[in-house]
PDB file of all heavy atoms in Angstrom:
ATOM      1  N   GLY A   1     -68.369   4.671  11.271  1.00  0.00           N
ATOM      2  CA  GLY A   1     -67.076   4.035  11.021  1.00  0.00           C
ATOM      3  C   GLY A   1     -66.263   4.800  10.007  1.00  0.00           C
ATOM      4  O   GLY A   1     -65.024   4.952  10.180  1.00  0.00           O
ATOM      5  N   ARG A   2     -66.917   5.368   8.993  1.00  0.00           N
ATOM      6  CA  ARG A   2     -66.224   6.169   8.008  1.00  0.00           C
ATOM      7  C   ARG A   2     -65.620   7.420   8.685  1.00  0.00           C
ATOM      8  O   ARG A   2     -64.426   7.736   8.488  1.00  0.00           O
ATOM      9  CB  ARG A   2     -67.170   6.616   6.911  1.00  0.00           C
ATOM     10  CG  ARG A   2     -66.518   7.520   5.863  1.00  0.00           C
ATOM     11  CD  ARG A   2     -67.515   8.275   5.044  1.00  0.00           C
ATOM     12  NE  ARG A   2     -68.197   9.248   5.896  1.00  0.00           N
ATOM     13  CZ  ARG A   2     -69.483   9.496   5.879  1.00  0.00           C
ATOM     14  NH1 ARG A   2     -70.271   8.844   5.057  1.00  0.00           N
ATOM     15  NH2 ARG A   2     -69.990  10.385   6.659  1.00  0.00           N
ATOM     16  N   GLU A   3     -66.397   8.081   9.493  1.00  0.00           N
ATOM     17  CA  GLU A   3     -65.867   9.294  10.182  1.00  0.00           C
ATOM     18  C   GLU A   3     -64.780   8.938  11.171  1.00  0.00           C
ATOM     19  O   GLU A   3     -63.818   9.689  11.327  1.00  0.00           O
ATOM     20  CB  GLU A   3     -67.034  10.023  10.876  1.00  0.00           C
ATOM     21  CG  GLU A   3     -67.967  10.691   9.904  1.00  0.00           C
ATOM     22  CD  GLU A   3     -67.251  11.666   8.979  1.00  0.00           C
ATOM     23  OE1 GLU A   3     -66.358  12.444   9.441  1.00  0.00           O
ATOM     24  OE2 GLU A   3     -67.570  11.648   7.778  1.00  0.00           O
ATOM     25  N   ARG A   4     -64.963   7.837  11.881  1.00  0.00           N
ATOM     26  CA  ARG A   4     -63.952   7.418  12.850  1.00  0.00           C
ATOM     27  C   ARG A   4     -62.628   7.088  12.157  1.00  0.00           C
ATOM     28  O   ARG A   4     -61.571   7.453  12.627  1.00  0.00           O
ATOM     29  CB  ARG A   4     -64.479   6.197  13.624  1.00  0.00           C
ATOM     30  CG  ARG A   4     -63.544   5.530  14.560  1.00  0.00           C
ATOM     31  CD  ARG A   4     -63.441   6.280  15.835  1.00  0.00           C
ATOM     32  NE  ARG A   4     -62.425   5.594  16.657  1.00  0.00           N
ATOM     33  CZ  ARG A   4     -62.287   5.812  17.949  1.00  0.00           C
ATOM     34  NH1 ARG A   4     -63.067   6.651  18.560  1.00  0.00           N
ATOM     35  NH2 ARG A   4     -61.385   5.152  18.607  1.00  0.00           N
ATOM     36  N   LEU A   5     -62.696   6.384  11.033  1.00  0.00           N
ATOM     37  CA  LEU A   5     -61.495   6.042  10.265  1.00  0.00           C
ATOM     38  C   LEU A   5     -60.859   7.292   9.632  1.00  0.00           C
ATOM     39  O   LEU A   5     -59.644   7.298   9.432  1.00  0.00           O
ATOM     40  CB  LEU A   5     -61.771   4.967   9.239  1.00  0.00           C
ATOM     41  CG  LEU A   5     -62.005   3.572   9.825  1.00  0.00           C
ATOM     42  CD1 LEU A   5     -62.617   2.670   8.770  1.00  0.00           C
ATOM     43  CD2 LEU A   5     -60.710   3.019  10.360  1.00  0.00           C
ATOM     44  N   ARG A   6     -61.664   8.232   9.294  1.00  0.00           N
ATOM     45  CA  ARG A   6     -61.120   9.491   8.730  1.00  0.00           C
ATOM     46  C   ARG A   6     -60.433  10.315   9.792  1.00  0.00           C
ATOM     47  O   ARG A   6     -59.331  10.844   9.575  1.00  0.00           O
ATOM     48  CB  ARG A   6     -62.236  10.300   8.092  1.00  0.00           C
ATOM     49  CG  ARG A   6     -61.735  11.622   7.491  1.00  0.00           C
ATOM     50  CD  ARG A   6     -62.861  12.396   6.877  1.00  0.00           C
ATOM     51  NE  ARG A   6     -63.496  11.538   5.851  1.00  0.00           N
ATOM     52  CZ  ARG A   6     -64.532  11.927   5.143  1.00  0.00           C
ATOM     53  NH1 ARG A   6     -65.066  13.087   5.302  1.00  0.00           N
ATOM     54  NH2 ARG A   6     -65.049  11.130   4.240  1.00  0.00           N
ATOM     55  N   ALA A   7     -61.034  10.396  10.973  1.00  0.00           N
ATOM     56  CA  ALA A   7     -60.505  11.251  12.012  1.00  0.00           C
ATOM     57  C   ALA A   7     -59.343  10.582  12.796  1.00  0.00           C
ATOM     58  O   ALA A   7     -58.363  11.254  13.133  1.00  0.00           O
ATOM     59  CB  ALA A   7     -61.631  11.668  12.981  1.00  0.00           C
ATOM     60  N   ARG A   8     -59.502   9.307  13.153  1.00  0.00           N
ATOM     61  CA  ARG A   8     -58.537   8.601  13.979  1.00  0.00           C
ATOM     62  C   ARG A   8     -58.243   7.211  13.447  1.00  0.00           C
ATOM     63  O   ARG A   8     -58.593   6.216  14.072  1.00  0.00           O
ATOM     64  CB  ARG A   8     -59.103   8.476  15.380  1.00  0.00           C
ATOM     65  CG  ARG A   8     -59.385   9.771  16.037  1.00  0.00           C
ATOM     66  CD  ARG A   8     -59.883   9.524  17.440  1.00  0.00           C
ATOM     67  NE  ARG A   8     -60.277  10.777  18.048  1.00  0.00           N
ATOM     68  CZ  ARG A   8     -61.381  10.980  18.703  1.00  0.00           C
ATOM     69  NH1 ARG A   8     -62.230   9.992  18.878  1.00  0.00           N
ATOM     70  NH2 ARG A   8     -61.660  12.167  19.224  1.00  0.00           N
ATOM     71  N   PRO A   9     -57.556   7.098  12.334  1.00  0.00           N
ATOM     72  CA  PRO A   9     -57.338   5.750  11.739  1.00  0.00           C
ATOM     73  C   PRO A   9     -56.446   4.879  12.606  1.00  0.00           C
ATOM     74  O   PRO A   9     -56.711   3.681  12.769  1.00  0.00           O
ATOM     75  CB  PRO A   9     -56.725   6.046  10.373  1.00  0.00           C
ATOM     76  CG  PRO A   9     -56.161   7.416  10.468  1.00  0.00           C
ATOM     77  CD  PRO A   9     -57.014   8.141  11.486  1.00  0.00           C
ATOM     78  N   VAL A  10     -55.338   5.429  13.120  1.00  0.00           N
ATOM     79  CA  VAL A  10     -54.403   4.605  13.904  1.00  0.00           C
ATOM     80  C   VAL A  10     -55.023   4.178  15.225  1.00  0.00           C
ATOM     81  O   VAL A  10     -54.927   3.013  15.630  1.00  0.00           O
ATOM     82  CB  VAL A  10     -53.089   5.378  14.126  1.00  0.00           C
ATOM     83  CG1 VAL A  10     -52.157   4.577  15.051  1.00  0.00           C
ATOM     84  CG2 VAL A  10     -52.394   5.676  12.798  1.00  0.00           C
ATOM     85  N   ARG A  11     -55.741   5.091  15.836  1.00  0.00           N
ATOM     86  CA  ARG A  11     -56.394   4.747  17.127  1.00  0.00           C
ATOM     87  C   ARG A  11     -57.477   3.685  16.937  1.00  0.00           C
ATOM     88  O   ARG A  11     -57.619   2.762  17.770  1.00  0.00           O
ATOM     89  CB  ARG A  11     -57.002   6.038  17.686  1.00  0.00           C
ATOM     90  CG  ARG A  11     -57.289   5.981  19.141  1.00  0.00           C
ATOM     91  CD  ARG A  11     -57.649   7.372  19.553  1.00  0.00           C
ATOM     92  NE  ARG A  11     -57.816   7.419  21.002  1.00  0.00           N
ATOM     93  CZ  ARG A  11     -58.229   8.462  21.650  1.00  0.00           C
ATOM     94  NH1 ARG A  11     -58.536   9.564  20.990  1.00  0.00           N
ATOM     95  NH2 ARG A  11     -58.360   8.426  22.934  1.00  0.00           N
ATOM     96  N   THR A  12     -58.214   3.779  15.856  1.00  0.00           N
ATOM     97  CA  THR A  12     -59.230   2.786  15.537  1.00  0.00           C
ATOM     98  C   THR A  12     -58.590   1.431  15.258  1.00  0.00           C
ATOM     99  O   THR A  12     -59.083   0.405  15.713  1.00  0.00           O
ATOM    100  CB  THR A  12     -60.079   3.249  14.308  1.00  0.00           C
ATOM    101  OG1 THR A  12     -60.595   4.550  14.598  1.00  0.00           O
ATOM    102  CG2 THR A  12     -61.214   2.308  14.035  1.00  0.00           C
ATOM    103  N   LEU A  13     -57.501   1.425  14.517  1.00  0.00           N
ATOM    104  CA  LEU A  13     -56.790   0.172  14.247  1.00  0.00           C
ATOM    105  C   LEU A  13     -56.252  -0.464  15.525  1.00  0.00           C
ATOM    106  O   LEU A  13     -56.389  -1.672  15.736  1.00  0.00           O
ATOM    107  CB  LEU A  13     -55.655   0.450  13.276  1.00  0.00           C
ATOM    108  CG  LEU A  13     -54.769  -0.735  12.951  1.00  0.00           C
ATOM    109  CD1 LEU A  13     -55.527  -1.797  12.214  1.00  0.00           C
ATOM    110  CD2 LEU A  13     -53.572  -0.266  12.124  1.00  0.00           C
ATOM    111  N   LEU A  14     -55.689   0.357  16.403  1.00  0.00           N
ATOM    112  CA  LEU A  14     -55.141  -0.173  17.650  1.00  0.00           C
ATOM    113  C   LEU A  14     -56.242  -0.687  18.561  1.00  0.00           C
ATOM    114  O   LEU A  14     -56.086  -1.728  19.235  1.00  0.00           O
ATOM    115  CB  LEU A  14     -54.310   0.886  18.372  1.00  0.00           C
ATOM    116  CG  LEU A  14     -53.008   1.304  17.677  1.00  0.00           C
ATOM    117  CD1 LEU A  14     -52.330   2.437  18.431  1.00  0.00           C
ATOM    118  CD2 LEU A  14     -52.083   0.108  17.550  1.00  0.00           C
ATOM    119  N   LEU A  15     -57.401  -0.006  18.591  1.00  0.00           N
ATOM    120  CA  LEU A  15     -58.533  -0.470  19.351  1.00  0.00           C
ATOM    121  C   LEU A  15     -59.027  -1.827  18.824  1.00  0.00           C
ATOM    122  O   LEU A  15     -59.302  -2.769  19.579  1.00  0.00           O
ATOM    123  CB  LEU A  15     -59.677   0.531  19.337  1.00  0.00           C
ATOM    124  CG  LEU A  15     -60.979   0.119  19.996  1.00  0.00           C
ATOM    125  CD1 LEU A  15     -60.788  -0.105  21.504  1.00  0.00           C
ATOM    126  CD2 LEU A  15     -62.050   1.169  19.753  1.00  0.00           C
ATOM    127  N   GLY A  16     -59.116  -1.957  17.523  1.00  0.00           N
ATOM    128  CA  GLY A  16     -59.520  -3.191  16.885  1.00  0.00           C
ATOM    129  C   GLY A  16     -58.533  -4.327  17.167  1.00  0.00           C
ATOM    130  O   GLY A  16     -58.942  -5.460  17.387  1.00  0.00           O
ATOM    131  N   GLY A  17     -57.269  -4.009  17.144  1.00  0.00           N
ATOM    132  CA  GLY A  17     -56.276  -5.011  17.460  1.00  0.00           C
ATOM    133  C   GLY A  17     -56.329  -5.453  18.888  1.00  0.00           C
ATOM    134  O   GLY A  17     -56.203  -6.640  19.223  1.00  0.00           O
ATOM    135  N   ALA A  18     -56.542  -4.480  19.777  1.00  0.00           N
ATOM    136  CA  ALA A  18     -56.634  -4.807  21.205  1.00  0.00           C
ATOM    137  C   ALA A  18     -57.865  -5.677  21.539  1.00  0.00           C
ATOM    138  O   ALA A  18     -57.806  -6.501  22.457  1.00  0.00           O
ATOM    139  CB  ALA A  18     -56.670  -3.513  22.036  1.00  0.00           C
ATOM    140  N   ILE A  19     -58.907  -5.505  20.781  1.00  0.00           N
ATOM    141  CA  ILE A  19     -60.100  -6.331  21.000  1.00  0.00           C
ATOM    142  C   ILE A  19     -60.023  -7.630  20.192  1.00  0.00           C
ATOM    143  O   ILE A  19     -60.346  -8.697  20.678  1.00  0.00           O
ATOM    144  CB  ILE A  19     -61.361  -5.539  20.625  1.00  0.00           C
ATOM    145  CG1 ILE A  19     -61.550  -4.363  21.585  1.00  0.00           C
ATOM    146  CG2 ILE A  19     -62.599  -6.436  20.596  1.00  0.00           C
ATOM    147  CD1 ILE A  19     -62.616  -3.411  21.142  1.00  0.00           C
ATOM    148  N   GLY A  20     -59.581  -7.508  18.947  1.00  0.00           N
ATOM    149  CA  GLY A  20     -59.595  -8.649  18.028  1.00  0.00           C
ATOM    150  C   GLY A  20     -58.587  -9.748  18.300  1.00  0.00           C
ATOM    151  O   GLY A  20     -58.908 -10.929  18.186  1.00  0.00           O
ATOM    152  N   VAL A  21     -57.376  -9.378  18.665  1.00  0.00           N
ATOM    153  CA  VAL A  21     -56.331 -10.371  18.872  1.00  0.00           C
ATOM    154  C   VAL A  21     -56.682 -11.321  20.025  1.00  0.00           C
ATOM    155  O   VAL A  21     -56.583 -12.546  19.861  1.00  0.00           O
ATOM    156  CB  VAL A  21     -54.941  -9.720  19.025  1.00  0.00           C
ATOM    157  CG1 VAL A  21     -53.913 -10.716  19.488  1.00  0.00           C
ATOM    158  CG2 VAL A  21     -54.509  -9.053  17.712  1.00  0.00           C
ATOM    159  N   PRO A  22     -57.096 -10.832  21.181  1.00  0.00           N
ATOM    160  CA  PRO A  22     -57.459 -11.774  22.267  1.00  0.00           C
ATOM    161  C   PRO A  22     -58.673 -12.648  21.890  1.00  0.00           C
ATOM    162  O   PRO A  22     -58.710 -13.828  22.230  1.00  0.00           O
ATOM    163  CB  PRO A  22     -57.776 -10.900  23.471  1.00  0.00           C
ATOM    164  CG  PRO A  22     -57.113  -9.605  23.181  1.00  0.00           C
ATOM    165  CD  PRO A  22     -57.075  -9.458  21.695  1.00  0.00           C
ATOM    166  N   LEU A  23     -59.643 -12.046  21.227  1.00  0.00           N
ATOM    167  CA  LEU A  23     -60.791 -12.856  20.800  1.00  0.00           C
ATOM    168  C   LEU A  23     -60.417 -13.896  19.794  1.00  0.00           C
ATOM    169  O   LEU A  23     -60.919 -15.017  19.798  1.00  0.00           O
ATOM    170  CB  LEU A  23     -61.908 -11.942  20.253  1.00  0.00           C
ATOM    171  CG  LEU A  23     -62.732 -11.157  21.304  1.00  0.00           C
ATOM    172  CD1 LEU A  23     -63.689 -10.189  20.593  1.00  0.00           C
ATOM    173  CD2 LEU A  23     -63.478 -12.110  22.203  1.00  0.00           C
ATOM    174  N   LEU A  24     -59.525 -13.525  18.876  1.00  0.00           N
ATOM    175  CA  LEU A  24     -59.061 -14.478  17.879  1.00  0.00           C
ATOM    176  C   LEU A  24     -58.301 -15.621  18.518  1.00  0.00           C
ATOM    177  O   LEU A  24     -58.546 -16.799  18.221  1.00  0.00           O
ATOM    178  CB  LEU A  24     -58.165 -13.740  16.882  1.00  0.00           C
ATOM    179  CG  LEU A  24     -57.810 -14.401  15.563  1.00  0.00           C
ATOM    180  CD1 LEU A  24     -59.061 -14.609  14.736  1.00  0.00           C
ATOM    181  CD2 LEU A  24     -56.825 -13.537  14.796  1.00  0.00           C
ATOM    182  N   ALA A  25     -57.392 -15.270  19.443  1.00  0.00           N
ATOM    183  CA  ALA A  25     -56.651 -16.315  20.162  1.00  0.00           C
ATOM    184  C   ALA A  25     -57.558 -17.209  21.004  1.00  0.00           C
ATOM    185  O   ALA A  25     -57.419 -18.439  21.011  1.00  0.00           O
ATOM    186  CB  ALA A  25     -55.574 -15.688  21.033  1.00  0.00           C
ATOM    187  N   GLY A  26     -58.499 -16.595  21.671  1.00  0.00           N
ATOM    188  CA  GLY A  26     -59.430 -17.364  22.496  1.00  0.00           C
ATOM    189  C   GLY A  26     -60.344 -18.246  21.673  1.00  0.00           C
ATOM    190  O   GLY A  26     -60.604 -19.389  22.042  1.00  0.00           O
ATOM    191  N   GLY A  27     -60.787 -17.736  20.526  1.00  0.00           N
ATOM    192  CA  GLY A  27     -61.603 -18.532  19.642  1.00  0.00           C
ATOM    193  C   GLY A  27     -60.859 -19.751  19.109  1.00  0.00           C
ATOM    194  O   GLY A  27     -61.408 -20.876  19.107  1.00  0.00           O
ATOM    195  N   PHE A  28     -59.620 -19.560  18.688  1.00  0.00           N
ATOM    196  CA  PHE A  28     -58.846 -20.683  18.173  1.00  0.00           C
ATOM    197  C   PHE A  28     -58.532 -21.665  19.298  1.00  0.00           C
ATOM    198  O   PHE A  28     -58.511 -22.879  19.087  1.00  0.00           O
ATOM    199  CB  PHE A  28     -57.548 -20.195  17.524  1.00  0.00           C
ATOM    200  CG  PHE A  28     -57.734 -19.804  16.077  1.00  0.00           C
ATOM    201  CD1 PHE A  28     -57.446 -18.506  15.652  1.00  0.00           C
ATOM    202  CD2 PHE A  28     -58.256 -20.672  15.145  1.00  0.00           C
ATOM    203  CE1 PHE A  28     -57.642 -18.117  14.362  1.00  0.00           C
ATOM    204  CE2 PHE A  28     -58.431 -20.323  13.823  1.00  0.00           C
ATOM    205  CZ  PHE A  28     -58.121 -19.028  13.408  1.00  0.00           C
ATOM    206  N   ALA A  29     -58.251 -21.148  20.500  1.00  0.00           N
ATOM    207  CA  ALA A  29     -57.988 -22.035  21.633  1.00  0.00           C
ATOM    208  C   ALA A  29     -59.208 -22.878  21.961  1.00  0.00           C
ATOM    209  O   ALA A  29     -59.087 -24.064  22.272  1.00  0.00           O
ATOM    210  CB  ALA A  29     -57.544 -21.226  22.851  1.00  0.00           C
ATOM    211  N   LEU A  30     -60.400 -22.268  21.905  1.00  0.00           N
ATOM    212  CA  LEU A  30     -61.617 -23.047  22.173  1.00  0.00           C
ATOM    213  C   LEU A  30     -61.867 -24.100  21.110  1.00  0.00           C
ATOM    214  O   LEU A  30     -62.415 -25.171  21.420  1.00  0.00           O
ATOM    215  CB  LEU A  30     -62.801 -22.096  22.264  1.00  0.00           C
ATOM    216  CG  LEU A  30     -62.957 -21.346  23.575  1.00  0.00           C
ATOM    217  CD1 LEU A  30     -64.113 -20.346  23.471  1.00  0.00           C
ATOM    218  CD2 LEU A  30     -63.221 -22.303  24.731  1.00  0.00           C
ATOM    219  N   THR A  31     -61.510 -23.831  19.861  1.00  0.00           N
ATOM    220  CA  THR A  31     -61.751 -24.839  18.851  1.00  0.00           C
ATOM    221  C   THR A  31     -60.845 -26.053  19.029  1.00  0.00           C
ATOM    222  O   THR A  31     -61.175 -27.154  18.564  1.00  0.00           O
ATOM    223  CB  THR A  31     -61.503 -24.288  17.408  1.00  0.00           C
ATOM    224  OG1 THR A  31     -60.175 -23.835  17.315  1.00  0.00           O
ATOM    225  CG2 THR A  31     -62.476 -23.158  17.103  1.00  0.00           C
ATOM    226  N   LYS A  32     -59.718 -25.898  19.719  1.00  0.00           N
ATOM    227  CA  LYS A  32     -58.790 -26.984  19.975  1.00  0.00           C
ATOM    228  C   LYS A  32     -58.969 -27.636  21.351  1.00  0.00           C
ATOM    229  O   LYS A  32     -58.352 -28.611  21.656  1.00  0.00           O
ATOM    230  CB  LYS A  32     -57.329 -26.508  19.889  1.00  0.00           C
ATOM    231  CG  LYS A  32     -56.995 -25.893  18.527  1.00  0.00           C
ATOM    232  CD  LYS A  32     -57.108 -26.921  17.428  1.00  0.00           C
ATOM    233  CE  LYS A  32     -56.759 -26.296  16.093  1.00  0.00           C
ATOM    234  NZ  LYS A  32     -57.034 -27.156  14.977  1.00  0.00           N
TER     235      LYS A  32
END
């Protein structure tokens, strides 16, 4: 993770957003 964030910080952030946002929305939708 350290090397990935050093080499490709923006790409890693975008990958995390692409995975995290739908899971976050789905998790909150399931709780309701």
